[in-house]
Amino acid sequence: MLNFLFSVTNWIVSLINDLGYFGIFLGMTLESSFFPFPSEIILIPAGALVYQGEMNFFLVFFFGLLGSLVGACINYFIAFFLGRTAVDLLLDKYGGFLFLTKAKLRKADKYFENYGEITTFVGRLIFVVRQLISLPAGFARMNFKKFILYTALGAAIWTAILILVGYFLGNTDISTIMKFITILLIGISILIVIIYRKFKRKNQIRYLC
């Protein structure tokens, strides 16, 4: 399993590296829209390439941030113009392919309802929520200028963090970096499953009481 994930991750990074800065933009656009594509796979290796002198930090940051904004805007406008009913229908039809469910969307909805518009900033720093938080903002018809500002601030922090992680790992062999990313993603996935099961069990106990 680990070898398979490593091979897939390595292939994705190779493809993005071949495309250069446009590959970073494209990958971050996908990551911030509705595709389950982790930004760690893109920006950490890019940060290593910055260390090695093969890429420019500011260009990586710019195209990474730009891609994040474009992807977030795609979700925002889908929700803004199509509305909740149409998005739910899309999730019913294609959600399984994209690893997105109504339950995940409802969690993002609840997060937005509880904490308000600032979640478009904070949510950019939270795994899973980062991908979906633009949809509740679109449903709520949040002011677009404010949406862009909050999203840009959150995405800028996350982008800089990942590039710097890659930079400080820059003297490490790229295959070792890819293994680190793969193990990190597996660890995050396991943590999410554990939290989800505990949360589900807690709700079931509460329901029985």
Protein backbone atom coordinates (compact mmCIF):
# COMPACT_ATOMS: atom_id res chain seq x y z
CA MET A 1 0.00 0.00 0.00
CA LEU A 2 2.80 2.40 0.97
CA ASN A 3 4.70 1.61 -2.24
CA PHE A 4 1.57 2.22 -4.33
CA LEU A 5 0.89 5.60 -2.72
CA PHE A 6 4.56 6.51 -3.10
CA SER A 7 4.44 5.64 -6.83
CA VAL A 8 1.25 7.65 -7.42
CA THR A 9 2.62 10.63 -5.46
CA ASN A 10 5.92 10.49 -7.34
CA TRP A 11 4.11 10.39 -10.70
CA ILE A 12 1.96 13.40 -9.82
CA VAL A 13 4.98 15.41 -8.69
CA SER A 14 6.93 14.48 -11.82
CA LEU A 15 4.04 15.66 -13.98
CA ILE A 16 3.74 18.96 -12.12
CA ASN A 17 7.52 19.48 -12.23
CA ASP A 18 7.46 18.96 -16.00
CA LEU A 19 4.85 21.72 -16.26
CA GLY A 20 6.87 24.07 -14.02
CA TYR A 21 5.11 27.05 -12.45
CA PHE A 22 1.98 26.36 -14.50
CA GLY A 23 1.94 22.88 -12.92
CA ILE A 24 1.98 24.47 -9.45
CA PHE A 25 -0.88 26.77 -10.46
CA LEU A 26 -2.88 23.89 -11.95
CA GLY A 27 -2.29 21.57 -9.00
CA MET A 28 -3.28 24.21 -6.44
CA THR A 29 -6.38 25.09 -8.45
CA LEU A 30 -7.47 21.46 -8.33
CA GLU A 31 -6.62 21.20 -4.61
CA SER A 32 -8.72 24.25 -3.74
CA SER A 33 -11.71 23.28 -5.86
CA PHE A 34 -13.53 19.95 -5.69
CA PHE A 35 -10.74 17.47 -6.46
CA PRO A 36 -9.19 15.53 -3.53
CA PHE A 37 -5.66 16.65 -4.33
CA PRO A 38 -3.45 17.50 -1.31
CA SER A 39 -1.38 20.66 -1.59
CA GLU A 40 1.45 19.01 0.35
CA ILE A 41 2.26 16.93 -2.76
CA ILE A 42 2.77 20.11 -4.79
CA LEU A 43 4.34 22.71 -2.55
CA ILE A 44 6.74 20.71 -0.39
CA PRO A 45 8.69 19.36 -3.42
CA ALA A 46 8.51 22.85 -4.95
CA GLY A 47 10.09 24.22 -1.77
CA ALA A 48 12.89 21.65 -2.11
CA LEU A 49 13.45 22.81 -5.69
CA VAL A 50 13.66 26.40 -4.41
CA TYR A 51 16.42 25.31 -2.02
CA GLN A 52 18.25 23.60 -4.89
CA GLY A 53 18.04 26.79 -6.98
CA GLU A 54 15.79 25.27 -9.64
CA MET A 55 12.76 27.40 -8.78
CA ASN A 56 12.17 30.91 -7.43
CA PHE A 57 10.49 31.20 -4.01
CA PHE A 58 8.35 34.21 -4.93
CA LEU A 59 7.15 32.66 -8.21
CA VAL A 60 6.26 29.40 -6.46
CA PHE A 61 4.41 31.39 -3.79
CA PHE A 62 2.63 33.56 -6.37
CA PHE A 63 1.43 30.71 -8.57
CA GLY A 64 0.53 28.57 -5.55
CA LEU A 65 -1.54 31.40 -4.06
CA LEU A 66 -3.11 32.25 -7.42
CA GLY A 67 -4.12 28.61 -7.94
CA SER A 68 -5.64 28.49 -4.45
CA LEU A 69 -7.71 31.60 -5.16
CA VAL A 70 -8.92 30.35 -8.55
CA GLY A 71 -9.92 26.96 -7.09
CA ALA A 72 -11.72 28.61 -4.17
CA CYS A 73 -13.56 30.93 -6.57
CA ILE A 74 -14.71 27.94 -8.64
CA ASN A 75 -16.40 26.44 -5.57
CA TYR A 76 -17.75 29.83 -4.46
CA PHE A 77 -19.41 30.55 -7.81
CA ILE A 78 -20.75 26.99 -8.19
CA ALA A 79 -22.51 27.41 -4.83
CA PHE A 80 -23.49 31.04 -5.52
CA PHE A 81 -25.12 30.42 -8.90
CA LEU A 82 -26.32 26.81 -8.67
CA GLY A 83 -27.49 26.79 -5.06
CA ARG A 84 -27.60 24.03 -2.48
CA THR A 85 -30.09 21.76 -4.25
CA ALA A 86 -28.06 21.58 -7.46
CA VAL A 87 -24.80 21.01 -5.53
CA ASP A 88 -26.46 18.19 -3.54
CA LEU A 89 -27.55 16.58 -6.81
CA LEU A 90 -23.99 16.84 -8.16
CA LEU A 91 -22.67 15.23 -4.99
CA ASP A 92 -25.19 12.39 -5.31
CA LYS A 93 -24.02 11.74 -8.86
CA TYR A 94 -20.28 12.43 -8.76
CA GLY A 95 -19.42 12.77 -5.06
CA GLY A 96 -18.14 9.20 -4.75
CA PHE A 97 -15.65 9.74 -7.55
CA LEU A 98 -14.36 12.91 -5.89
CA PHE A 99 -14.46 11.45 -2.34
CA LEU A 100 -16.95 14.15 -1.37
CA THR A 101 -20.20 13.52 0.48
CA LYS A 102 -23.15 15.49 1.75
CA ALA A 103 -21.96 14.72 5.28
CA LYS A 104 -18.63 16.47 4.63
CA LEU A 105 -20.44 19.43 3.11
CA ARG A 106 -22.78 19.63 6.10
CA LYS A 107 -19.76 19.75 8.42
CA ALA A 108 -18.37 22.67 6.43
CA ASP A 109 -21.83 24.30 6.54
CA LYS A 110 -21.98 23.90 10.32
CA TYR A 111 -18.48 25.30 10.70
CA PHE A 112 -19.45 28.35 8.63
CA GLU A 113 -22.72 28.83 10.53
CA ASN A 114 -21.01 28.61 13.93
CA TYR A 115 -18.05 30.90 13.26
CA GLY A 116 -19.20 33.14 10.41
CA GLU A 117 -17.31 34.60 7.47
CA ILE A 118 -13.91 34.45 9.20
CA THR A 119 -13.99 30.67 8.54
CA THR A 120 -12.96 31.39 4.94
CA PHE A 121 -9.66 32.53 6.47
CA VAL A 122 -9.26 30.00 9.29
CA GLY A 123 -10.66 27.14 7.18
CA ARG A 124 -7.77 27.45 4.71
CA LEU A 125 -5.49 26.14 7.46
CA ILE A 126 -7.63 23.12 8.38
CA PHE A 127 -7.32 19.80 6.56
CA VAL A 128 -10.50 18.72 4.66
CA VAL A 129 -12.37 21.94 5.60
CA ARG A 130 -9.91 23.83 3.37
CA GLN A 131 -11.35 22.20 0.27
CA LEU A 132 -15.03 22.77 1.07
CA ILE A 133 -15.30 26.03 3.02
CA SER A 134 -15.85 28.09 -0.15
CA LEU A 135 -19.16 26.31 -0.82
CA PRO A 136 -20.97 27.53 2.34
CA ALA A 137 -19.61 31.02 1.60
CA GLY A 138 -21.21 30.83 -1.84
CA PHE A 139 -24.48 29.48 -0.46
CA ALA A 140 -24.57 32.38 2.03
CA ARG A 141 -23.75 34.85 -0.78
CA MET A 142 -20.86 36.24 1.23
CA ASN A 143 -19.48 39.54 -0.04
CA PHE A 144 -17.04 38.56 -2.78
CA LYS A 145 -14.34 41.13 -1.92
CA LYS A 146 -14.34 39.98 1.69
CA PHE A 147 -14.29 36.34 0.54
CA ILE A 148 -11.23 36.99 -1.63
CA LEU A 149 -9.45 38.87 1.16
CA TYR A 150 -9.99 36.19 3.82
CA THR A 151 -9.23 33.35 1.39
CA ALA A 152 -6.06 35.04 0.16
CA LEU A 153 -4.79 35.61 3.72
CA GLY A 154 -5.41 32.01 4.78
CA ALA A 155 -4.06 30.53 1.54
CA ALA A 156 -0.96 32.75 1.71
CA ILE A 157 -0.06 31.46 5.18
CA TRP A 158 -0.62 27.81 4.20
CA THR A 159 1.30 28.19 0.93
CA ALA A 160 4.28 29.83 2.65
CA ILE A 161 4.36 27.14 5.38
CA LEU A 162 4.48 24.26 2.89
CA ILE A 163 7.10 25.92 0.69
CA LEU A 164 9.30 26.55 3.75
CA VAL A 165 8.89 22.93 4.90
CA GLY A 166 10.15 21.83 1.48
CA TYR A 167 12.93 24.41 1.59
CA PHE A 168 14.26 23.15 4.93
CA LEU A 169 14.09 19.60 3.58
CA GLY A 170 15.87 20.78 0.45
CA ASN A 171 19.16 19.04 1.08
CA THR A 172 17.30 15.73 1.44
CA ASP A 173 17.04 13.31 -1.47
CA ILE A 174 13.76 13.84 -3.38
CA SER A 175 12.73 10.18 -2.91
CA THR A 176 13.07 10.63 0.86
CA ILE A 177 10.94 13.78 0.69
CA MET A 178 8.28 11.88 -1.28
CA LYS A 179 8.26 9.09 1.31
CA PHE A 180 7.91 11.72 4.04
CA ILE A 181 4.92 13.28 2.25
CA THR A 182 3.32 9.87 1.63
CA ILE A 183 3.69 8.83 5.28
CA LEU A 184 2.41 12.25 6.39
CA LEU A 185 -0.72 11.88 4.23
CA ILE A 186 -1.35 8.36 5.51
CA GLY A 187 -0.94 9.59 9.08
CA ILE A 188 -3.40 12.43 8.52
CA SER A 189 -5.90 10.03 6.92
CA ILE A 190 -5.65 7.61 9.86
CA LEU A 191 -6.09 10.49 12.31
CA ILE A 192 -9.23 11.64 10.47
CA VAL A 193 -10.69 8.11 10.57
CA ILE A 194 -10.00 7.83 14.33
CA ILE A 195 -11.57 11.24 15.06
CA TYR A 196 -14.56 10.41 12.85
CA ARG A 197 -15.18 7.07 14.59
CA LYS A 198 -14.93 8.65 18.04
CA PHE A 199 -17.28 11.43 17.00
CA LYS A 200 -19.73 8.92 15.51
CA ARG A 201 -19.62 6.71 18.62
CA LYS A 202 -20.19 9.73 20.84
CA ASN A 203 -23.26 10.74 18.81
CA GLN A 204 -24.63 7.19 18.97
CA ILE A 205 -24.24 7.09 22.77
CA ARG A 206 -25.92 10.48 23.07
CA TYR A 207 -28.78 9.28 20.85
CA LEU A 208 -29.29 6.13 22.96
CA CYS A 209 -29.35 8.18 26.14
